[in-house]
Amino acid sequence: MSDCIFCKIIAGEIPAKKLCEDDEMIAFHDINPVAPVHFLVIPKKHIKNLLELEADDTPLVGRLFNKARELLKEQGCEENGGRFVINAKKHGLQTVDHLHIHVMGGRPMGWPPG
């Protein structure tokens, strides 16, 4: 998608502070962190949002969450944990139309979130 900021990050057109990257996904620090640890894990395949997943995407989503879990531990949050968030569409407050997992840790999180 030519106008998708995350697709531009994947293509290397926009810089990002990457945590990891492979053939299927990329993880990078959020540019507006809301916690001491705040990064995104996104698929390289352009999937607009969680509601547009197809059955064939199930293994990919599992790998995204597994990588998110591994990276949160690497960021020093294994003992106290963190929050994994996927926003979907307007009422879910999704601001970039490319599936992404927000991973946050390093402080207690409030509830309800907003």
N, C-alpha and C. Protein backbone atom coordinates (compact mmCIF):
# COMPACT_ATOMS: atom_id res chain seq x y z
N MET A 1 0.85 -1.18 0.00
CA MET A 1 0.00 0.00 0.00
C MET A 1 0.89 1.24 0.00
N SER A 2 0.81 2.02 -1.02
CA SER A 2 1.74 3.14 -1.20
C SER A 2 1.59 4.25 -0.17
N ASP A 3 0.41 4.41 0.43
CA ASP A 3 0.21 5.49 1.40
C ASP A 3 0.26 5.01 2.85
N CYS A 4 0.56 3.75 3.08
CA CYS A 4 0.60 3.19 4.44
C CYS A 4 1.97 3.45 5.07
N ILE A 5 1.97 4.15 6.20
CA ILE A 5 3.24 4.48 6.86
C ILE A 5 4.00 3.23 7.29
N PHE A 6 3.29 2.19 7.72
CA PHE A 6 3.98 0.97 8.13
C PHE A 6 4.55 0.23 6.93
N CYS A 7 3.87 0.25 5.81
CA CYS A 7 4.43 -0.34 4.59
C CYS A 7 5.69 0.41 4.16
N LYS A 8 5.71 1.72 4.38
CA LYS A 8 6.90 2.52 4.06
C LYS A 8 8.05 2.18 5.01
N ILE A 9 7.75 1.91 6.26
CA ILE A 9 8.79 1.48 7.20
C ILE A 9 9.34 0.12 6.77
N ILE A 10 8.45 -0.79 6.41
CA ILE A 10 8.87 -2.11 5.94
C ILE A 10 9.77 -1.99 4.71
N ALA A 11 9.42 -1.09 3.80
CA ALA A 11 10.20 -0.89 2.57
C ALA A 11 11.50 -0.12 2.79
N GLY A 12 11.69 0.41 4.00
CA GLY A 12 12.90 1.18 4.29
C GLY A 12 12.82 2.63 3.85
N GLU A 13 11.64 3.09 3.46
CA GLU A 13 11.46 4.47 3.02
C GLU A 13 11.36 5.44 4.19
N ILE A 14 10.96 4.94 5.35
CA ILE A 14 10.86 5.74 6.57
C ILE A 14 11.69 5.01 7.63
N PRO A 15 12.58 5.72 8.33
CA PRO A 15 13.39 5.05 9.35
C PRO A 15 12.58 4.67 10.57
N ALA A 16 13.02 3.63 11.23
CA ALA A 16 12.40 3.18 12.49
C ALA A 16 13.50 2.57 13.35
N LYS A 17 13.33 2.68 14.64
CA LYS A 17 14.27 2.06 15.58
C LYS A 17 13.85 0.61 15.78
N LYS A 18 14.41 -0.26 14.94
CA LYS A 18 13.99 -1.66 14.89
C LYS A 18 14.52 -2.48 16.05
N LEU A 19 13.66 -3.39 16.51
CA LEU A 19 14.06 -4.39 17.50
C LEU A 19 14.42 -5.69 16.81
N CYS A 20 13.68 -6.02 15.75
CA CYS A 20 13.98 -7.22 14.97
C CYS A 20 13.20 -7.17 13.66
N GLU A 21 13.62 -8.04 12.75
CA GLU A 21 12.95 -8.14 11.45
C GLU A 21 13.26 -9.50 10.86
N ASP A 22 12.25 -10.09 10.22
CA ASP A 22 12.46 -11.31 9.45
C ASP A 22 11.61 -11.24 8.19
N ASP A 23 11.41 -12.35 7.52
CA ASP A 23 10.66 -12.35 6.26
C ASP A 23 9.19 -12.01 6.42
N GLU A 24 8.63 -12.23 7.62
CA GLU A 24 7.20 -12.06 7.82
C GLU A 24 6.80 -10.85 8.66
N MET A 25 7.73 -10.34 9.47
CA MET A 25 7.34 -9.30 10.41
C MET A 25 8.50 -8.37 10.72
N ILE A 26 8.13 -7.26 11.36
CA ILE A 26 9.11 -6.30 11.85
C ILE A 26 8.60 -5.77 13.19
N ALA A 27 9.52 -5.49 14.09
CA ALA A 27 9.18 -4.89 15.38
C ALA A 27 10.04 -3.65 15.56
N PHE A 28 9.42 -2.59 16.02
CA PHE A 28 10.16 -1.33 16.21
C PHE A 28 9.53 -0.52 17.33
N HIS A 29 10.34 0.37 17.90
CA HIS A 29 9.88 1.23 19.00
C HIS A 29 8.82 2.21 18.50
N ASP A 30 7.80 2.43 19.34
CA ASP A 30 6.76 3.40 19.03
C ASP A 30 7.35 4.80 19.09
N ILE A 31 6.97 5.66 18.15
CA ILE A 31 7.53 7.03 18.13
C ILE A 31 6.91 7.92 19.21
N ASN A 32 5.76 7.52 19.76
CA ASN A 32 5.12 8.25 20.85
C ASN A 32 4.82 7.28 22.00
N PRO A 33 5.87 6.84 22.70
CA PRO A 33 5.67 5.81 23.73
C PRO A 33 4.81 6.31 24.89
N VAL A 34 3.99 5.40 25.41
CA VAL A 34 3.15 5.71 26.57
C VAL A 34 3.61 4.92 27.80
N ALA A 35 4.71 4.22 27.66
CA ALA A 35 5.29 3.44 28.75
C ALA A 35 6.80 3.37 28.52
N PRO A 36 7.58 3.06 29.55
CA PRO A 36 9.03 2.95 29.36
C PRO A 36 9.41 1.95 28.25
N VAL A 37 8.64 0.89 28.12
CA VAL A 37 8.80 -0.06 27.02
C VAL A 37 7.53 0.05 26.18
N HIS A 38 7.68 0.41 24.93
CA HIS A 38 6.52 0.51 24.02
C HIS A 38 7.02 0.31 22.60
N PHE A 39 6.65 -0.82 22.04
CA PHE A 39 7.04 -1.11 20.66
C PHE A 39 5.88 -1.74 19.92
N LEU A 40 6.01 -1.82 18.61
CA LEU A 40 4.99 -2.39 17.75
C LEU A 40 5.54 -3.63 17.07
N VAL A 41 4.69 -4.61 16.87
CA VAL A 41 5.03 -5.78 16.08
C VAL A 41 4.00 -5.84 14.95
N ILE A 42 4.49 -5.83 13.71
CA ILE A 42 3.58 -5.78 12.57
C ILE A 42 3.95 -6.83 11.53
N PRO A 43 2.94 -7.34 10.82
CA PRO A 43 3.25 -8.25 9.72
C PRO A 43 3.73 -7.45 8.51
N LYS A 44 4.58 -8.03 7.71
CA LYS A 44 4.98 -7.38 6.47
C LYS A 44 3.86 -7.43 5.45
N LYS A 45 3.04 -8.45 5.55
CA LYS A 45 1.86 -8.53 4.69
C LYS A 45 0.90 -7.43 5.13
N HIS A 46 0.41 -6.66 4.18
CA HIS A 46 -0.53 -5.59 4.53
C HIS A 46 -1.90 -6.19 4.81
N ILE A 47 -2.25 -6.19 6.09
CA ILE A 47 -3.58 -6.58 6.55
C ILE A 47 -4.12 -5.33 7.22
N LYS A 48 -5.23 -4.84 6.76
CA LYS A 48 -5.74 -3.55 7.23
C LYS A 48 -6.02 -3.51 8.73
N ASN A 49 -6.66 -4.54 9.25
CA ASN A 49 -6.96 -4.58 10.68
C ASN A 49 -7.33 -6.00 11.08
N LEU A 50 -7.50 -6.20 12.37
CA LEU A 50 -7.79 -7.53 12.91
C LEU A 50 -9.07 -8.12 12.34
N LEU A 51 -10.03 -7.27 12.02
CA LEU A 51 -11.31 -7.74 11.50
C LEU A 51 -11.22 -8.22 10.06
N GLU A 52 -10.11 -7.95 9.40
CA GLU A 52 -9.93 -8.38 8.01
C GLU A 52 -8.99 -9.57 7.88
N LEU A 53 -8.67 -10.21 9.01
CA LEU A 53 -7.85 -11.42 8.95
C LEU A 53 -8.61 -12.52 8.21
N GLU A 54 -7.86 -13.35 7.53
CA GLU A 54 -8.44 -14.51 6.88
C GLU A 54 -7.91 -15.75 7.60
N ALA A 55 -8.56 -16.86 7.41
CA ALA A 55 -8.15 -18.10 8.08
C ALA A 55 -6.68 -18.42 7.82
N ASP A 56 -6.20 -18.14 6.62
CA ASP A 56 -4.81 -18.41 6.27
C ASP A 56 -3.82 -17.56 7.07
N ASP A 57 -4.30 -16.47 7.68
CA ASP A 57 -3.44 -15.58 8.46
C ASP A 57 -3.23 -16.06 9.90
N THR A 58 -3.95 -17.09 10.33
CA THR A 58 -3.88 -17.55 11.71
C THR A 58 -2.46 -17.89 12.16
N PRO A 59 -1.69 -18.67 11.39
CA PRO A 59 -0.31 -18.95 11.83
C PRO A 59 0.55 -17.68 11.96
N LEU A 60 0.36 -16.74 11.06
CA LEU A 60 1.12 -15.49 11.11
C LEU A 60 0.81 -14.72 12.40
N VAL A 61 -0.45 -14.63 12.76
CA VAL A 61 -0.83 -13.91 13.98
C VAL A 61 -0.22 -14.59 15.20
N GLY A 62 -0.20 -15.91 15.21
CA GLY A 62 0.45 -16.62 16.31
C GLY A 62 1.93 -16.28 16.40
N ARG A 63 2.60 -16.21 15.27
CA ARG A 63 4.03 -15.85 15.26
C ARG A 63 4.24 -14.40 15.72
N LEU A 64 3.32 -13.50 15.34
CA LEU A 64 3.43 -12.11 15.80
C LEU A 64 3.37 -12.03 17.32
N PHE A 65 2.40 -12.74 17.91
CA PHE A 65 2.27 -12.71 19.37
C PHE A 65 3.45 -13.40 20.05
N ASN A 66 3.94 -14.47 19.48
CA ASN A 66 5.10 -15.14 20.05
C ASN A 66 6.31 -14.21 20.04
N LYS A 67 6.52 -13.51 18.95
CA LYS A 67 7.64 -12.56 18.86
C LYS A 67 7.43 -11.41 19.85
N ALA A 68 6.20 -10.92 19.98
CA ALA A 68 5.90 -9.84 20.93
C ALA A 68 6.25 -10.28 22.35
N ARG A 69 5.89 -11.50 22.70
CA ARG A 69 6.20 -12.05 24.02
C ARG A 69 7.71 -12.14 24.24
N GLU A 70 8.43 -12.68 23.27
CA GLU A 70 9.88 -12.79 23.37
C GLU A 70 10.54 -11.43 23.55
N LEU A 71 10.10 -10.46 22.76
CA LEU A 71 10.71 -9.13 22.82
C LEU A 71 10.40 -8.41 24.13
N LEU A 72 9.19 -8.60 24.66
CA LEU A 72 8.87 -7.97 25.94
C LEU A 72 9.78 -8.52 27.04
N LYS A 73 10.04 -9.83 27.00
CA LYS A 73 10.98 -10.42 27.96
C LYS A 73 12.37 -9.83 27.78
N GLU A 74 12.82 -9.71 26.53
CA GLU A 74 14.15 -9.15 26.25
C GLU A 74 14.27 -7.71 26.72
N GLN A 75 13.16 -7.00 26.76
CA GLN A 75 13.16 -5.60 27.21
C GLN A 75 13.10 -5.48 28.73
N GLY A 76 13.20 -6.61 29.43
CA GLY A 76 13.27 -6.59 30.88
C GLY A 76 11.94 -6.63 31.60
N CYS A 77 10.89 -7.06 30.92
CA CYS A 77 9.55 -7.05 31.52
C CYS A 77 9.01 -8.43 31.88
N GLU A 78 9.87 -9.43 31.91
CA GLU A 78 9.38 -10.79 32.17
C GLU A 78 8.75 -10.92 33.55
N GLU A 79 9.36 -10.35 34.57
CA GLU A 79 8.85 -10.52 35.93
C GLU A 79 7.49 -9.86 36.13
N ASN A 80 7.32 -8.63 35.65
CA ASN A 80 6.08 -7.89 35.91
C ASN A 80 5.10 -7.90 34.74
N GLY A 81 5.50 -8.40 33.58
CA GLY A 81 4.60 -8.49 32.44
C GLY A 81 4.37 -7.17 31.73
N GLY A 82 3.30 -7.12 30.98
CA GLY A 82 3.00 -5.93 30.20
C GLY A 82 1.63 -6.04 29.56
N ARG A 83 1.40 -5.18 28.60
CA ARG A 83 0.11 -5.13 27.92
C ARG A 83 0.33 -5.31 26.42
N PHE A 84 -0.55 -6.11 25.81
CA PHE A 84 -0.54 -6.35 24.38
C PHE A 84 -1.88 -5.83 23.85
N VAL A 85 -1.85 -4.89 22.90
CA VAL A 85 -3.07 -4.25 22.43
C VAL A 85 -3.13 -4.26 20.92
N ILE A 86 -4.30 -4.61 20.39
CA ILE A 86 -4.57 -4.46 18.97
C ILE A 86 -5.83 -3.59 18.86
N ASN A 87 -5.69 -2.41 18.29
CA ASN A 87 -6.83 -1.54 18.03
C ASN A 87 -7.39 -1.88 16.65
N ALA A 88 -8.71 -1.82 16.51
CA ALA A 88 -9.32 -2.14 15.23
C ALA A 88 -10.38 -1.10 14.87
N LYS A 89 -10.15 -0.46 13.76
CA LYS A 89 -11.07 0.52 13.17
C LYS A 89 -11.29 1.74 14.07
N LYS A 90 -12.25 2.56 13.67
CA LYS A 90 -12.49 3.86 14.31
C LYS A 90 -12.82 3.76 15.80
N HIS A 91 -13.76 2.93 16.17
CA HIS A 91 -14.15 2.84 17.58
C HIS A 91 -13.07 2.16 18.43
N GLY A 92 -12.20 1.42 17.80
CA GLY A 92 -11.07 0.81 18.51
C GLY A 92 -9.86 1.72 18.57
N LEU A 93 -9.99 2.92 18.01
CA LEU A 93 -8.94 3.94 17.99
C LEU A 93 -7.72 3.55 17.15
N GLN A 94 -7.93 2.76 16.09
CA GLN A 94 -6.84 2.42 15.19
C GLN A 94 -6.49 3.66 14.38
N THR A 95 -5.21 4.06 14.42
CA THR A 95 -4.78 5.27 13.71
C THR A 95 -4.00 4.97 12.44
N VAL A 96 -3.46 3.76 12.32
CA VAL A 96 -2.75 3.35 11.10
C VAL A 96 -3.45 2.09 10.60
N ASP A 97 -3.92 2.13 9.37
CA ASP A 97 -4.65 1.00 8.80
C ASP A 97 -3.71 -0.09 8.30
N HIS A 98 -3.00 -0.68 9.24
CA HIS A 98 -2.12 -1.82 9.01
C HIS A 98 -2.08 -2.53 10.35
N LEU A 99 -2.47 -3.80 10.38
CA LEU A 99 -2.51 -4.56 11.62
C LEU A 99 -1.21 -4.39 12.40
N HIS A 100 -1.32 -4.10 13.68
CA HIS A 100 -0.14 -3.98 14.53
C HIS A 100 -0.50 -4.25 15.98
N ILE A 101 0.47 -4.82 16.68
CA ILE A 101 0.32 -5.09 18.11
C ILE A 101 1.16 -4.07 18.86
N HIS A 102 0.52 -3.30 19.73
CA HIS A 102 1.25 -2.44 20.66
C HIS A 102 1.67 -3.32 21.83
N VAL A 103 2.93 -3.25 22.20
CA VAL A 103 3.43 -4.00 23.35
C VAL A 103 4.03 -2.98 24.32
N MET A 104 3.49 -2.96 25.55
CA MET A 104 3.90 -1.96 26.52
C MET A 104 4.25 -2.61 27.85
N GLY A 105 5.23 -2.06 28.51
CA GLY A 105 5.63 -2.57 29.81
C GLY A 105 6.52 -1.56 30.53
N GLY A 106 7.00 -1.97 31.68
CA GLY A 106 7.90 -1.11 32.44
C GLY A 106 7.20 -0.24 33.46
N ARG A 107 5.88 -0.34 33.55
CA ARG A 107 5.10 0.39 34.55
C ARG A 107 3.75 -0.27 34.67
N PRO A 108 3.05 -0.05 35.80
CA PRO A 108 1.68 -0.58 35.91
C PRO A 108 0.75 0.11 34.91
N MET A 109 -0.17 -0.64 34.33
CA MET A 109 -1.13 -0.10 33.38
C MET A 109 -2.47 0.10 34.10
N GLY A 110 -3.20 1.10 33.72
CA GLY A 110 -4.51 1.36 34.30
C GLY A 110 -5.62 0.62 33.56
N TRP A 111 -6.78 0.53 34.21
CA TRP A 111 -7.96 -0.06 33.57
C TRP A 111 -9.18 0.66 34.09
N PRO A 112 -10.11 1.03 33.28
CA PRO A 112 -10.12 0.79 31.84
C PRO A 112 -9.10 1.68 31.13
N PRO A 113 -8.66 1.25 29.94
CA PRO A 113 -7.60 1.97 29.25
C PRO A 113 -8.03 3.31 28.68
N GLY A 114 -9.27 3.61 28.51
CA GLY A 114 -9.63 4.90 27.95
C GLY A 114 -11.05 4.93 27.62
